[in-house]
Amino acid sequence: MKNNTDWFKSSFSGHEQACVEVRTMSSTVSARDSKDRNGGELTVPAAGWSAFVAGVTAGEFE
């Protein structure tokens, strides 16, 4: 069983409950919906997550 304390959300989310939570492992990153923590998660290679975050930061998805 996975430990829920491994998950975190952005500090910009404050106390909101409708957020994406993220957990980093050695070679993967998982994301899930904080409103439905048992609803599944998306797991991708860490390099893919880094590329996604870089794209968001650069405005590539606007």
C-alpha atoms as a PDB file:
ATOM      1  CA  MET A   1       0.000   0.000   0.000  1.00  0.00           C
ATOM      2  CA  LYS A   2       1.255   3.482  -0.866  1.00  0.00           C
ATOM      3  CA  ASN A   3       1.638   6.056   1.861  1.00  0.00           C
ATOM      4  CA  ASN A   4      -0.519   9.175   1.420  1.00  0.00           C
ATOM      5  CA  THR A   5       2.159  11.307   3.091  1.00  0.00           C
ATOM      6  CA  ASP A   6       4.347  10.887  -0.013  1.00  0.00           C
ATOM      7  CA  TRP A   7       1.949  13.109  -1.985  1.00  0.00           C
ATOM      8  CA  PHE A   8       2.208  16.898  -2.131  1.00  0.00           C
ATOM      9  CA  LYS A   9       0.551  19.781  -3.916  1.00  0.00           C
ATOM     10  CA  SER A  10       1.777  23.198  -4.908  1.00  0.00           C
ATOM     11  CA  SER A  11       2.126  25.761  -2.157  1.00  0.00           C
ATOM     12  CA  PHE A  12       0.105  28.063  -4.466  1.00  0.00           C
ATOM     13  CA  SER A  13      -2.927  25.801  -3.825  1.00  0.00           C
ATOM     14  CA  GLY A  14      -3.257  26.961  -0.220  1.00  0.00           C
ATOM     15  CA  HIS A  15      -5.992  25.000   1.536  1.00  0.00           C
ATOM     16  CA  GLU A  16      -7.943  24.258  -1.636  1.00  0.00           C
ATOM     17  CA  GLN A  17      -9.096  20.664  -2.059  1.00  0.00           C
ATOM     18  CA  ALA A  18      -9.484  20.688  -5.863  1.00  0.00           C
ATOM     19  CA  CYS A  19      -5.833  20.276  -6.752  1.00  0.00           C
ATOM     20  CA  VAL A  20      -3.412  17.987  -8.484  1.00  0.00           C
ATOM     21  CA  GLU A  21      -1.187  16.118  -6.043  1.00  0.00           C
ATOM     22  CA  VAL A  22       2.226  14.798  -7.077  1.00  0.00           C
ATOM     23  CA  ARG A  23       4.529  12.120  -5.738  1.00  0.00           C
ATOM     24  CA  THR A  24       8.111  11.661  -6.905  1.00  0.00           C
ATOM     25  CA  MET A  25       9.829   8.302  -6.835  1.00  0.00           C
ATOM     26  CA  SER A  26      13.367   7.454  -7.934  1.00  0.00           C
ATOM     27  CA  SER A  27      12.610   7.285 -11.665  1.00  0.00           C
ATOM     28  CA  THR A  28       8.915   8.190 -11.965  1.00  0.00           C
ATOM     29  CA  VAL A  29       6.455  10.917 -11.027  1.00  0.00           C
ATOM     30  CA  SER A  30       2.797  10.216 -10.255  1.00  0.00           C
ATOM     31  CA  ALA A  31      -0.098  12.690 -10.286  1.00  0.00           C
ATOM     32  CA  ARG A  32      -3.650  12.337  -8.950  1.00  0.00           C
ATOM     33  CA  ASP A  33      -6.775  14.387  -8.254  1.00  0.00           C
ATOM     34  CA  SER A  34      -6.966  15.491  -4.609  1.00  0.00           C
ATOM     35  CA  LYS A  35     -10.783  15.279  -4.734  1.00  0.00           C
ATOM     36  CA  ASP A  36     -10.627  11.554  -5.616  1.00  0.00           C
ATOM     37  CA  ARG A  37      -7.475  10.124  -4.091  1.00  0.00           C
ATOM     38  CA  ASN A  38      -8.600   6.560  -4.719  1.00  0.00           C
ATOM     39  CA  GLY A  39      -9.581   7.273  -8.320  1.00  0.00           C
ATOM     40  CA  GLY A  40      -6.234   6.327  -9.797  1.00  0.00           C
ATOM     41  CA  GLU A  41      -3.053   8.082 -10.723  1.00  0.00           C
ATOM     42  CA  LEU A  42      -1.008   8.882 -13.784  1.00  0.00           C
ATOM     43  CA  THR A  43       2.614   7.748 -13.587  1.00  0.00           C
ATOM     44  CA  VAL A  44       5.245   8.932 -16.072  1.00  0.00           C
ATOM     45  CA  PRO A  45       9.045   8.763 -16.291  1.00  0.00           C
ATOM     46  CA  ALA A  46      10.733  11.569 -14.327  1.00  0.00           C
ATOM     47  CA  ALA A  47      12.317  12.942 -17.515  1.00  0.00           C
ATOM     48  CA  GLY A  48       8.882  13.195 -19.147  1.00  0.00           C
ATOM     49  CA  TRP A  49       7.484  15.067 -16.134  1.00  0.00           C
ATOM     50  CA  SER A  50      10.423  17.482 -16.227  1.00  0.00           C
ATOM     51  CA  ALA A  51       9.780  18.158 -19.916  1.00  0.00           C
ATOM     52  CA  PHE A  52       6.072  18.747 -19.201  1.00  0.00           C
ATOM     53  CA  VAL A  53       6.822  21.215 -16.377  1.00  0.00           C
ATOM     54  CA  ALA A  54       9.337  23.036 -18.595  1.00  0.00           C
ATOM     55  CA  GLY A  55       6.683  23.304 -21.313  1.00  0.00           C
ATOM     56  CA  VAL A  56       4.110  24.690 -18.884  1.00  0.00           C
ATOM     57  CA  THR A  57       6.630  27.195 -17.554  1.00  0.00           C
ATOM     58  CA  ALA A  58       7.492  28.282 -21.107  1.00  0.00           C
ATOM     59  CA  GLY A  59       3.810  28.784 -21.957  1.00  0.00           C
ATOM     60  CA  GLU A  60       3.748  26.056 -24.608  1.00  0.00           C
ATOM     61  CA  PHE A  61       0.233  24.929 -23.664  1.00  0.00           C
ATOM     62  CA  GLU A  62      -1.546  28.272 -23.615  1.00  0.00           C
END
